[in-house]
Protein backbone atom coordinates (compact mmCIF):
# COMPACT_ATOMS: atom_id res chain seq x y z
CA MET A 1 0.29 -0.08 -0.19
CA SER A 2 1.03 3.43 -0.66
CA VAL A 3 1.52 6.13 1.91
CA ASN A 4 -0.99 8.19 -0.14
CA ALA A 5 -3.35 5.71 -0.45
CA LEU A 6 -2.97 4.96 3.35
CA SER A 7 -3.45 8.68 3.86
CA LYS A 8 -6.40 8.85 2.06
CA GLU A 9 -7.73 5.72 4.51
CA LEU A 10 -6.70 7.29 7.74
CA TYR A 11 -7.71 11.09 6.62
CA VAL A 12 -4.50 12.53 7.32
CA PRO A 13 -1.95 14.24 5.19
CA ALA A 14 0.21 12.05 2.96
CA GLN A 15 3.06 14.21 4.53
CA ARG A 16 2.45 12.98 8.09
CA LEU A 17 3.02 9.63 6.96
CA ASN A 18 5.89 10.40 4.75
CA GLU A 19 7.68 12.16 7.68
CA ILE A 20 7.22 8.98 9.84
CA VAL A 21 8.34 6.58 7.19
CA ARG A 22 11.45 8.59 6.81
CA GLU A 23 11.77 9.19 10.29
CA ARG A 24 11.75 12.76 10.43
CA ARG A 25 8.41 12.51 12.79
CA GLY A 26 7.30 10.45 15.51
CA VAL A 27 4.01 8.31 15.73
CA THR A 28 1.41 10.67 17.66
CA ALA A 29 -1.37 9.35 19.92
CA ASP A 30 -3.45 10.93 16.84
CA THR A 31 -1.91 8.72 14.07
CA ALA A 32 -1.80 5.44 16.64
CA MET A 33 -5.62 5.77 16.99
CA ARG A 34 -6.02 6.12 13.11
CA LEU A 35 -3.17 3.39 12.58
CA ALA A 36 -4.78 0.85 15.32
CA ARG A 37 -8.62 1.51 13.81
CA TYR A 38 -7.53 0.82 10.31
CA PHE A 39 -4.95 -2.01 11.04
CA GLY A 40 -6.88 -3.48 13.89
CA THR A 41 -4.37 -3.69 16.61
CA THR A 42 -4.39 -1.53 19.69
CA GLU A 43 -3.07 2.17 19.87
CA GLN A 44 -0.47 1.08 22.20
CA PHE A 45 1.23 -1.15 19.59
CA TRP A 46 2.25 1.83 17.90
CA LEU A 47 2.95 3.95 20.41
CA ASN A 48 5.30 1.14 21.69
CA LEU A 49 6.82 1.21 18.42
CA GLN A 50 7.76 4.52 18.56
CA THR A 51 9.12 4.46 22.25
CA ASP A 52 11.17 1.57 21.35
CA TYR A 53 12.34 3.27 18.40
CA ASP A 54 13.31 6.48 20.66
CA LEU A 55 15.04 4.50 23.16
CA ARG A 56 17.21 2.70 20.82
CA ARG A 57 18.26 5.85 19.06
CA ALA A 58 18.90 7.45 22.71
CA ARG A 59 21.11 4.46 23.88
CA ALA A 60 23.22 4.65 20.73
CA GLU A 61 23.71 8.54 20.95
CA LYS A 62 23.93 9.11 24.57
CA SER A 63 24.51 6.10 26.58
CA ASP A 64 28.17 6.55 26.90
CA GLN A 65 27.75 10.01 27.86
CA ILE A 66 24.97 9.44 30.40
CA ASN A 67 26.83 6.48 31.83
CA LYS A 68 29.83 9.10 32.41
CA LEU A 69 28.14 11.68 33.77
CA ILE A 70 25.83 9.67 36.20
CA THR A 71 26.98 7.81 39.27
CA PRO A 72 24.13 5.23 39.98
CA ARG A 73 22.86 6.02 43.83
CA LYS A 74 23.83 3.37 46.52
CA PRO A 75 21.17 2.02 49.05
CA ASP A 76 20.91 3.79 51.72
CA HIS A 77 22.25 1.10 53.57
CA GLU A 78 25.72 1.80 52.28
CA ALA A 79 25.67 5.33 52.39
CA ALA A 80 28.92 6.47 54.31
């Protein structure tokens, strides 16, 4: 199915779907609701896909930096 055909079925601009496909835009709650209705899934399915993608990107881009900056909190019984 083409982006244009799907955009007509979902009643959204084709640009919105193109930007999602090209990783220039995330899946919003509104888009998740429309995709869920059309494909017979849940809204959470689409939002989880987006969250998983965002987390993978963040880990790849910032994991080393965050790990160097932040020291894990020690449990209270180990505090000096």
